[in-house]
Amino acid sequence: MTFAHILGHDRQKDILRRALAAKRLAHAYLFEGAEGIGKRLTALALVRGVFCQTGRGCGECPSCRKIDHNNHPDLHLVEDDGASIKIEQVRALQKELSFRPLEAPRKICLIDGADRLNPAAGNALLKTLEEPTGGTLLILLSARPEAVLSTIRSRCQRLPFARLPQAAVKKVLLDLVDGREHEAHVLAALSEGSFKKALGKDRDLFLEQRKGLLKGVTALSSGSIIPLFDFAAALTEEKERLTEILEIFQAFYRDLLLVQHGASDEELVNVDLLEKIHRVSARETIPSLLRKLDALAACRRQLERNVNRQLALEVLLLRLAA
């Protein structure tokens, strides 16, 4: 995939094109931004530009085809091995980078998830960044740049990537979901500009399971504690998807608040649940919805601090049921 085929990020692509044309690429880049918005695609397009035999990232030459099939001998990809990137992986990379390129003019390494470098691996990589081997380019990708060692960040040229506009994502999704308007609208809104979230493992959560989750949360009553605690226990088991579930709740209560302020149906996220939105909104007030949105924000902050997950969810559901 060339720069021209990547949706959005025009400023970032222009910076890289000009550096490539002037042969003034930095020795290390940190591409930072949300998951699934095009950082990795842009990095691979840059690799193509460096390795392509025509110099254009043509997609047809042997070098471009090897990049597409992830078997170019001078392109090295490092990803987390379990929960983190380990020092053994960095040492293996350093050994590879010490050799001359086999086919390309230089060796390039992509470190996807640089925030998952464990401390030992990060410190080992720092030596490579401080004393780069001639003709080596490192591209670090991270959705949480603040979690990357500050000494690593300071030795990379940082290139921030913004989330893609919802309208642009929806336009692409419409073709991928056979023109189903409501489905494309919901996916674009809840994925927050990330095609990885819209088309990956969260797709069924956003489309089908979302309805059951919203049915469950709106049926809660502060006068009936057992069902509320049972729902909290079920949510506790969804550790890997809990952030996305809370985003679904937040989008729903935001829709209710917009209805209270007279917004049109087109401005809502849950456009396929309009009857439910208007019914639930009728029993809420603006102050009550603001309190519930505040409760969701507080719960997300608590979960980021690793508090007791079930207790945090029980408190949240009590506040949402009030």
Protein backbone atom coordinates (compact mmCIF):
# COMPACT_ATOMS: atom_id res chain seq x y z
CA MET A 1 0.00 0.00 0.00
CA THR A 2 1.38 3.41 -1.00
CA PHE A 3 0.84 6.76 0.72
CA ALA A 4 -1.84 7.57 -1.86
CA HIS A 5 -3.96 4.60 -0.77
CA ILE A 6 -4.00 5.56 2.92
CA LEU A 7 -7.09 7.42 4.13
CA GLY A 8 -6.35 10.78 5.77
CA HIS A 9 -3.12 11.80 7.58
CA ASP A 10 -2.14 14.14 4.73
CA ARG A 11 0.29 16.18 6.85
CA GLN A 12 2.12 13.10 8.10
CA LYS A 13 2.38 11.62 4.61
CA ASP A 14 3.66 14.91 3.21
CA ILE A 15 6.40 15.12 5.89
CA LEU A 16 7.56 11.59 5.09
CA ARG A 17 7.36 12.08 1.31
CA ARG A 18 9.53 15.19 1.49
CA ALA A 19 12.08 13.53 3.80
CA LEU A 20 12.19 10.52 1.47
CA ALA A 21 12.65 12.67 -1.64
CA ALA A 22 15.40 14.73 0.00
CA LYS A 23 17.01 11.57 1.45
CA ARG A 24 16.85 13.13 4.89
CA LEU A 25 14.92 10.55 6.87
CA ALA A 26 15.49 10.59 10.61
CA HIS A 27 17.23 7.56 12.09
CA ALA A 28 14.19 6.87 14.31
CA TYR A 29 10.50 7.83 14.26
CA LEU A 30 7.75 7.44 16.84
CA PHE A 31 4.32 7.22 15.18
CA GLU A 32 1.80 7.89 17.93
CA GLY A 33 -2.00 7.75 17.89
CA ALA A 34 -4.99 5.50 18.55
CA GLU A 35 -5.05 1.87 17.47
CA GLY A 36 -6.22 1.08 13.95
CA ILE A 37 -6.10 4.56 12.42
CA GLY A 38 -3.30 3.95 9.90
CA LYS A 39 0.04 4.26 11.71
CA ARG A 40 1.25 0.83 10.65
CA LEU A 41 0.02 1.26 7.08
CA THR A 42 1.89 4.57 6.87
CA ALA A 43 5.04 2.95 8.26
CA LEU A 44 4.85 0.18 5.66
CA ALA A 45 4.27 2.75 2.91
CA LEU A 46 7.47 4.48 4.05
CA VAL A 47 9.31 1.14 3.96
CA ARG A 48 8.06 0.62 0.41
CA GLY A 49 9.33 4.05 -0.58
CA VAL A 50 12.79 3.19 0.76
CA PHE A 51 13.00 -0.36 -0.61
CA CYS A 52 11.11 -0.06 -3.93
CA GLN A 53 13.28 -0.60 -6.98
CA THR A 54 11.45 2.22 -8.79
CA GLY A 55 11.60 4.56 -5.78
CA ARG A 56 7.83 5.03 -5.90
CA GLY A 57 6.51 2.14 -3.80
CA CYS A 58 5.07 0.66 -6.97
CA GLY A 59 3.65 -2.52 -5.44
CA GLU A 60 4.83 -4.58 -8.42
CA CYS A 61 8.58 -4.98 -8.03
CA PRO A 62 10.06 -7.90 -6.04
CA SER A 63 10.90 -5.64 -3.08
CA CYS A 64 7.32 -4.32 -2.76
CA ARG A 65 5.88 -7.81 -3.04
CA LYS A 66 8.20 -9.09 -0.32
CA ILE A 67 7.08 -6.25 1.97
CA ASP A 68 3.43 -7.12 1.30
CA HIS A 69 4.12 -10.75 2.22
CA ASN A 70 6.24 -9.80 5.24
CA ASN A 71 9.29 -11.71 4.04
CA HIS A 72 11.74 -8.99 3.04
CA PRO A 73 15.13 -9.86 4.60
CA ASP A 74 15.90 -6.23 5.48
CA LEU A 75 12.55 -5.48 7.18
CA HIS A 76 12.34 -6.59 10.80
CA LEU A 77 9.08 -6.53 12.75
CA VAL A 78 9.04 -6.62 16.56
CA GLU A 79 5.74 -7.14 18.42
CA ASP A 80 4.83 -8.08 21.97
CA ASP A 81 5.51 -11.65 23.00
CA GLY A 82 2.57 -12.13 25.34
CA ALA A 83 2.07 -9.07 27.52
CA SER A 84 5.29 -7.25 26.63
CA ILE A 85 8.26 -6.91 24.30
CA LYS A 86 11.15 -8.67 26.02
CA ILE A 87 14.86 -7.94 26.14
CA GLU A 88 15.64 -11.14 24.21
CA GLN A 89 13.66 -9.76 21.24
CA VAL A 90 15.58 -6.47 21.34
CA ARG A 91 18.92 -8.29 21.53
CA ALA A 92 17.96 -10.46 18.56
CA LEU A 93 17.04 -7.28 16.66
CA GLN A 94 20.35 -5.63 17.55
CA LYS A 95 22.21 -8.65 16.22
CA GLU A 96 20.27 -8.44 12.92
CA LEU A 97 20.91 -4.71 12.60
CA SER A 98 24.65 -5.24 13.03
CA PHE A 99 24.82 -6.97 9.63
CA ARG A 100 24.84 -5.23 6.27
CA PRO A 101 21.56 -5.07 4.31
CA LEU A 102 21.05 -8.04 2.01
CA GLU A 103 18.93 -6.42 -0.73
CA ALA A 104 17.76 -2.95 0.26
CA PRO A 105 19.82 0.24 0.69
CA ARG A 106 19.25 0.06 4.45
CA LYS A 107 17.73 -2.07 7.20
CA ILE A 108 14.40 -1.00 8.70
CA CYS A 109 12.79 -2.18 11.93
CA LEU A 110 9.13 -1.68 12.93
CA ILE A 111 8.43 -1.93 16.66
CA ASP A 112 4.65 -2.20 16.93
CA GLY A 113 3.47 -1.40 20.45
CA ALA A 114 6.56 0.42 21.69
CA ASP A 115 4.72 1.20 24.94
CA ARG A 116 4.84 -2.54 25.70
CA LEU A 117 8.64 -2.66 25.85
CA ASN A 118 9.46 -3.93 29.33
CA PRO A 119 12.03 -1.83 31.27
CA ALA A 120 14.98 -4.06 30.37
CA ALA A 121 14.00 -4.14 26.68
CA GLY A 122 13.49 -0.37 26.63
CA ASN A 123 16.89 0.31 28.13
CA ALA A 124 18.51 -2.11 25.68
CA LEU A 125 16.81 -0.39 22.74
CA LEU A 126 18.02 2.95 24.04
CA LYS A 127 21.60 1.94 23.24
CA THR A 128 20.63 1.36 19.58
CA LEU A 129 18.89 4.75 19.45
CA GLU A 130 21.87 6.53 21.01
CA GLU A 131 24.41 4.85 18.72
CA PRO A 132 22.46 4.05 15.54
CA THR A 133 24.10 1.76 13.01
CA GLY A 134 24.67 3.52 9.70
CA GLY A 135 21.88 2.87 7.23
CA THR A 136 19.39 1.71 9.89
CA LEU A 137 15.90 3.16 10.30
CA LEU A 138 13.72 2.40 13.35
CA ILE A 139 9.98 3.12 13.32
CA LEU A 140 8.23 2.81 16.66
CA LEU A 141 4.41 2.65 16.80
CA SER A 142 2.42 3.39 19.94
CA ALA A 143 -1.16 4.11 20.96
CA ARG A 144 0.12 5.20 24.41
CA PRO A 145 3.25 7.30 23.82
CA GLU A 146 3.20 8.52 27.43
CA ALA A 147 3.99 4.91 28.45
CA VAL A 148 7.13 4.84 26.27
CA LEU A 149 10.36 5.62 28.15
CA SER A 150 10.97 9.37 28.01
CA THR A 151 14.58 8.72 26.99
CA ILE A 152 13.32 6.74 23.98
CA ARG A 153 10.77 9.42 23.05
CA SER A 154 13.43 12.11 23.14
CA ARG A 155 15.60 10.23 20.64
CA CYS A 156 12.87 9.76 18.05
CA GLN A 157 11.22 12.18 15.68
CA ARG A 158 7.65 12.11 16.94
CA LEU A 159 4.83 12.08 14.42
CA PRO A 160 1.33 12.27 15.98
CA PHE A 161 -1.60 10.74 14.10
CA ALA A 162 -5.12 12.07 14.75
CA ARG A 163 -8.26 9.94 14.72
CA LEU A 164 -9.94 9.74 11.33
CA PRO A 165 -13.12 11.87 10.91
CA GLN A 166 -16.31 9.90 11.57
CA ALA A 167 -17.78 10.88 8.20
CA ALA A 168 -14.73 9.54 6.33
CA VAL A 169 -14.80 6.26 8.25
CA LYS A 170 -18.55 5.87 7.65
CA LYS A 171 -18.11 6.41 3.91
CA VAL A 172 -15.60 3.57 3.70
CA LEU A 173 -17.65 1.31 5.97
CA LEU A 174 -20.77 1.77 3.84
CA ASP A 175 -19.07 -0.12 1.02
CA LEU A 176 -17.82 -2.81 3.39
CA VAL A 177 -21.27 -3.47 4.96
CA ASP A 178 -23.16 -3.46 1.66
CA GLY A 179 -24.70 -0.04 2.16
CA ARG A 180 -26.41 -0.73 5.50
CA GLU A 181 -26.64 2.88 6.70
CA HIS A 182 -27.41 2.32 10.38
CA GLU A 183 -24.71 -0.33 10.74
CA ALA A 184 -22.06 1.88 9.15
CA HIS A 185 -23.15 4.86 11.29
CA VAL A 186 -22.96 2.93 14.59
CA LEU A 187 -19.60 1.32 13.75
CA ALA A 188 -18.08 4.65 12.67
CA ALA A 189 -19.29 6.41 15.82
CA LEU A 190 -18.27 3.76 18.36
CA SER A 191 -14.95 2.88 16.72
CA GLU A 192 -13.74 6.49 17.15
CA GLY A 193 -11.96 6.54 13.80
CA SER A 194 -10.35 3.12 14.19
CA PHE A 195 -10.92 0.62 11.40
CA LYS A 196 -9.33 -2.01 13.63
CA LYS A 197 -12.16 -1.57 16.15
CA ALA A 198 -14.89 -1.21 13.52
CA LEU A 199 -13.96 -4.32 11.54
CA GLY A 200 -12.15 -6.43 14.12
CA LYS A 201 -13.17 -8.28 17.25
CA ASP A 202 -15.34 -5.41 18.51
CA ARG A 203 -17.70 -5.42 15.52
CA ASP A 204 -20.19 -7.88 17.01
CA LEU A 205 -19.98 -6.09 20.37
CA PHE A 206 -20.84 -2.75 18.77
CA LEU A 207 -23.67 -4.10 16.62
CA GLU A 208 -25.45 -6.98 18.36
CA GLN A 209 -24.22 -7.30 21.94
CA ARG A 210 -24.61 -3.54 22.41
CA LYS A 211 -28.40 -3.93 22.32
CA GLY A 212 -28.40 -6.53 25.10
CA LEU A 213 -26.00 -4.47 27.22
CA LEU A 214 -28.17 -1.36 26.91
CA LYS A 215 -31.30 -3.38 27.65
CA GLY A 216 -29.60 -4.66 30.80
CA VAL A 217 -28.39 -1.30 32.08
CA THR A 218 -31.68 0.52 31.46
CA ALA A 219 -33.65 -2.23 33.25
CA LEU A 220 -31.71 -1.79 36.49
CA SER A 221 -33.40 -0.40 39.58
CA SER A 222 -31.73 0.85 42.74
CA GLY A 223 -34.52 -0.89 44.66
CA SER A 224 -33.52 -4.31 43.29
CA ILE A 225 -29.92 -4.93 44.30
CA ILE A 226 -29.45 -8.62 43.40
CA PRO A 227 -29.95 -8.18 39.61
CA LEU A 228 -27.70 -5.11 39.75
CA PHE A 229 -24.87 -7.03 41.47
CA ASP A 230 -25.35 -9.96 39.06
CA PHE A 231 -24.96 -7.57 36.10
CA ALA A 232 -21.82 -6.09 37.68
CA ALA A 233 -20.39 -9.60 38.11
CA ALA A 234 -21.08 -10.40 34.45
CA LEU A 235 -19.37 -7.19 33.35
CA THR A 236 -16.40 -7.98 35.59
CA GLU A 237 -15.76 -11.11 33.52
CA GLU A 238 -15.46 -8.95 30.37
CA LYS A 239 -12.01 -7.70 31.35
CA GLU A 240 -10.64 -7.49 27.80
CA ARG A 241 -13.67 -5.59 26.46
CA LEU A 242 -14.69 -3.54 29.48
CA THR A 243 -13.34 -0.27 28.08
CA GLU A 244 -15.44 -0.71 24.93
CA ILE A 245 -18.53 -1.63 26.98
CA LEU A 246 -18.20 1.53 29.04
CA GLU A 247 -17.85 3.48 25.79
CA ILE A 248 -21.16 1.96 24.64
CA PHE A 249 -22.85 3.09 27.87
CA GLN A 250 -21.30 6.55 27.56
CA ALA A 251 -22.47 6.94 23.95
CA PHE A 252 -26.01 5.91 24.99
CA TYR A 253 -26.28 8.43 27.83
CA ARG A 254 -24.75 11.06 25.59
CA ASP A 255 -27.54 10.34 23.09
CA LEU A 256 -30.12 10.83 25.86
CA LEU A 257 -28.52 14.16 26.79
CA LEU A 258 -28.57 15.31 23.16
CA VAL A 259 -32.27 14.42 22.90
CA GLN A 260 -32.92 16.45 26.05
CA HIS A 261 -31.27 19.41 24.30
CA GLY A 262 -33.38 18.95 21.15
CA ALA A 263 -30.75 17.41 18.88
CA SER A 264 -31.88 15.73 15.67
CA ASP A 265 -31.83 11.95 15.36
CA GLU A 266 -28.97 12.16 12.83
CA GLU A 267 -26.67 13.53 15.56
CA LEU A 268 -27.07 10.43 17.74
CA VAL A 269 -24.84 7.35 17.84
CA ASN A 270 -27.51 4.72 18.41
CA VAL A 271 -29.64 5.61 15.40
CA ASP A 272 -31.04 2.07 15.26
CA LEU A 273 -32.48 2.41 18.80
CA LEU A 274 -34.41 5.66 18.44
CA GLU A 275 -37.59 4.35 20.09
CA LYS A 276 -35.63 3.20 23.14
CA ILE A 277 -33.65 6.46 23.31
CA HIS A 278 -36.76 8.64 23.30
CA ARG A 279 -38.56 6.36 25.82
CA VAL A 280 -35.67 6.36 28.30
CA SER A 281 -34.97 10.05 27.77
CA ALA A 282 -38.53 10.88 28.83
CA ARG A 283 -37.85 9.61 32.35
CA GLU A 284 -34.53 11.42 32.75
CA THR A 285 -33.54 15.03 33.35
CA ILE A 286 -30.48 16.94 32.22
CA PRO A 287 -28.98 16.93 35.77
CA SER A 288 -29.60 13.17 36.14
CA LEU A 289 -27.90 12.44 32.80
CA LEU A 290 -24.92 14.63 33.68
CA ARG A 291 -24.55 12.70 36.96
CA LYS A 292 -24.60 9.38 35.07
CA LEU A 293 -22.03 10.54 32.55
CA ASP A 294 -19.88 11.71 35.46
CA ALA A 295 -20.27 8.26 37.06
CA LEU A 296 -19.05 6.59 33.87
CA ALA A 297 -16.03 8.91 33.66
CA ALA A 298 -15.20 8.25 37.34
CA CYS A 299 -15.45 4.47 36.83
CA ARG A 300 -13.08 4.57 33.86
CA ARG A 301 -10.54 6.56 35.89
CA GLN A 302 -10.78 4.06 38.75
CA LEU A 303 -10.30 1.07 36.44
CA GLU A 304 -7.18 2.71 34.98
CA ARG A 305 -5.80 2.80 38.54
CA ASN A 306 -6.41 -0.95 38.98
CA VAL A 307 -8.97 -0.66 41.77
CA ASN A 308 -11.25 -3.61 42.55
CA ARG A 309 -13.05 -4.05 39.22
CA GLN A 310 -16.30 -5.54 40.51
CA LEU A 311 -16.64 -2.98 43.30
CA ALA A 312 -16.11 -0.12 40.83
CA LEU A 313 -18.77 -1.57 38.52
CA GLU A 314 -21.24 -2.08 41.35
CA VAL A 315 -20.87 1.57 42.37
CA LEU A 316 -21.26 2.63 38.73
CA LEU A 317 -24.44 0.59 38.20
CA LEU A 318 -25.94 1.91 41.45
CA ARG A 319 -25.40 5.45 40.17
CA LEU A 320 -26.78 4.59 36.71
CA ALA A 321 -29.86 2.96 38.25
CA ALA A 322 -30.61 5.96 40.46
